[in-house]
Amino acid sequence: MEKFVQQTLLFDFYGELLTEHQQQIYEDVVCNDMSCSEVAEEQGVSRQGVHDLIKRCNRQLEEYEAKLHLVEKFLDIQAKVRQMRQTVTMAAEEGQMPDVQEIIRISDEILEEL
């Protein structure tokens, strides 16, 4: 997965666990694509301080994911829903009934993960 996508997903899931200060700086740098220098000037801190904070936040967010696996579960469920949708769409395009057993199997997998 692309680093930017991974960072934003981790922030979406675990960002509330960071302090408000960390959230604001992390969001500015990662999500709003501001440079460390721009954020440092805006916040009245050093560029190195912003850089170090981003590294600490990344490490912290990755540790949360390593323990809780919420992003992993989300991506897995998302892939299974896409698979179900594809099964139904293909059957509809071919004028057939969807493979109900396949849909039940996939939905059972999703329910087990929840």
Protein backbone atom coordinates (compact mmCIF):
# COMPACT_ATOMS: atom_id res chain seq x y z
CA MET A 1 0.00 0.00 0.00
CA GLU A 2 1.23 3.47 -0.82
CA LYS A 3 2.75 5.24 2.18
CA PHE A 4 0.43 8.25 1.94
CA VAL A 5 -2.68 6.04 1.84
CA GLN A 6 -1.41 4.00 4.76
CA GLN A 7 -0.66 7.13 6.81
CA THR A 8 -4.08 8.63 6.14
CA LEU A 9 -5.87 5.38 6.97
CA LEU A 10 -3.94 5.04 10.21
CA PHE A 11 -4.73 8.66 11.05
CA ASP A 12 -8.42 8.14 10.22
CA PHE A 13 -8.64 5.16 12.55
CA TYR A 14 -6.31 6.17 15.38
CA GLY A 15 -5.78 9.93 15.06
CA GLU A 16 -8.13 10.66 17.95
CA LEU A 17 -5.66 8.86 20.22
CA LEU A 18 -3.03 11.52 19.52
CA THR A 19 -2.97 14.81 21.43
CA GLU A 20 -4.69 17.79 19.80
CA HIS A 21 -1.28 19.32 19.06
CA GLN A 22 -0.08 16.10 17.41
CA GLN A 23 -3.33 15.79 15.44
CA GLN A 24 -3.11 19.32 14.11
CA ILE A 25 0.51 19.06 12.98
CA TYR A 26 0.12 15.54 11.59
CA GLU A 27 -2.97 16.52 9.63
CA ASP A 28 -1.26 19.62 8.22
CA VAL A 29 1.82 17.72 7.07
CA VAL A 30 0.33 14.40 5.96
CA CYS A 31 -3.25 15.17 4.95
CA ASN A 32 -2.95 18.80 3.86
CA ASP A 33 0.45 18.29 2.21
CA MET A 34 2.11 21.22 3.98
CA SER A 35 5.88 21.18 4.39
CA CYS A 36 7.51 20.81 7.78
CA SER A 37 8.86 24.33 7.35
CA GLU A 38 5.41 25.78 6.68
CA VAL A 39 3.91 24.04 9.70
CA ALA A 40 6.87 25.00 11.89
CA GLU A 41 6.46 28.65 10.97
CA GLU A 42 2.72 28.52 11.55
CA GLN A 43 3.10 26.76 14.91
CA GLY A 44 6.13 28.70 16.11
CA VAL A 45 8.33 25.62 16.46
CA SER A 46 11.40 24.34 14.65
CA ARG A 47 11.23 22.41 11.38
CA GLN A 48 13.16 19.61 13.06
CA GLY A 49 10.58 19.55 15.85
CA VAL A 50 7.78 19.09 13.32
CA HIS A 51 9.77 16.38 11.53
CA ASP A 52 10.42 14.52 14.79
CA LEU A 53 6.78 14.81 15.82
CA ILE A 54 5.64 13.30 12.50
CA LYS A 55 8.04 10.39 12.92
CA ARG A 56 6.83 9.80 16.50
CA CYS A 57 3.20 9.98 15.41
CA ASN A 58 3.81 7.52 12.55
CA ARG A 59 5.45 5.11 14.95
CA GLN A 60 2.63 5.50 17.47
CA LEU A 61 -0.10 5.00 14.86
CA GLU A 62 1.68 1.90 13.52
CA GLU A 63 1.90 0.51 17.06
CA TYR A 64 -1.85 0.97 17.52
CA GLU A 65 -2.46 -0.88 14.26
CA ALA A 66 -0.07 -3.68 15.27
CA LYS A 67 -2.14 -4.20 18.42
CA LEU A 68 -5.68 -3.57 17.18
CA HIS A 69 -5.58 -4.42 13.43
CA LEU A 70 -8.54 -2.12 12.67
CA VAL A 71 -7.18 -0.92 9.32
CA GLU A 72 -6.32 -4.48 8.29
CA LYS A 73 -9.84 -5.66 9.15
CA PHE A 74 -11.39 -2.68 7.36
CA LEU A 75 -9.41 -3.35 4.17
CA ASP A 76 -10.24 -7.07 4.31
CA ILE A 77 -13.95 -6.39 4.73
CA GLN A 78 -13.83 -3.80 1.96
CA ALA A 79 -12.26 -6.37 -0.40
CA LYS A 80 -14.90 -8.97 0.48
CA VAL A 81 -17.75 -6.55 -0.13
CA ARG A 82 -16.21 -5.73 -3.52
CA GLN A 83 -16.00 -9.47 -4.24
CA MET A 84 -19.70 -9.91 -3.38
CA ARG A 85 -20.63 -6.93 -5.55
CA GLN A 86 -18.60 -8.35 -8.45
CA THR A 87 -20.33 -11.73 -8.10
CA VAL A 88 -23.77 -10.11 -8.26
CA THR A 89 -22.82 -7.71 -11.06
CA MET A 90 -21.38 -10.47 -13.24
CA ALA A 91 -24.47 -12.61 -12.74
CA ALA A 92 -26.78 -9.69 -13.58
CA GLU A 93 -24.81 -8.89 -16.74
CA GLU A 94 -25.10 -12.51 -17.85
CA GLY A 95 -28.82 -12.62 -16.99
CA GLN A 96 -28.28 -15.29 -14.36
CA MET A 97 -28.99 -15.61 -10.69
CA PRO A 98 -25.96 -14.69 -8.56
CA ASP A 99 -24.09 -17.49 -6.84
CA VAL A 100 -25.99 -17.33 -3.57
CA GLN A 101 -23.72 -19.83 -1.82
CA GLU A 102 -20.67 -17.69 -2.68
CA ILE A 103 -22.36 -14.58 -1.34
CA ILE A 104 -23.35 -16.39 1.86
CA ARG A 105 -19.78 -17.68 2.29
CA ILE A 106 -18.30 -14.20 1.88
CA SER A 107 -20.88 -12.60 4.17
CA ASP A 108 -20.16 -15.25 6.82
CA GLU A 109 -16.45 -14.35 6.61
CA ILE A 110 -17.31 -10.69 7.08
CA LEU A 111 -19.51 -11.42 10.08
CA GLU A 112 -16.76 -13.52 11.69
CA GLU A 113 -14.38 -10.57 11.45
CA LEU A 114 -16.81 -8.18 13.14
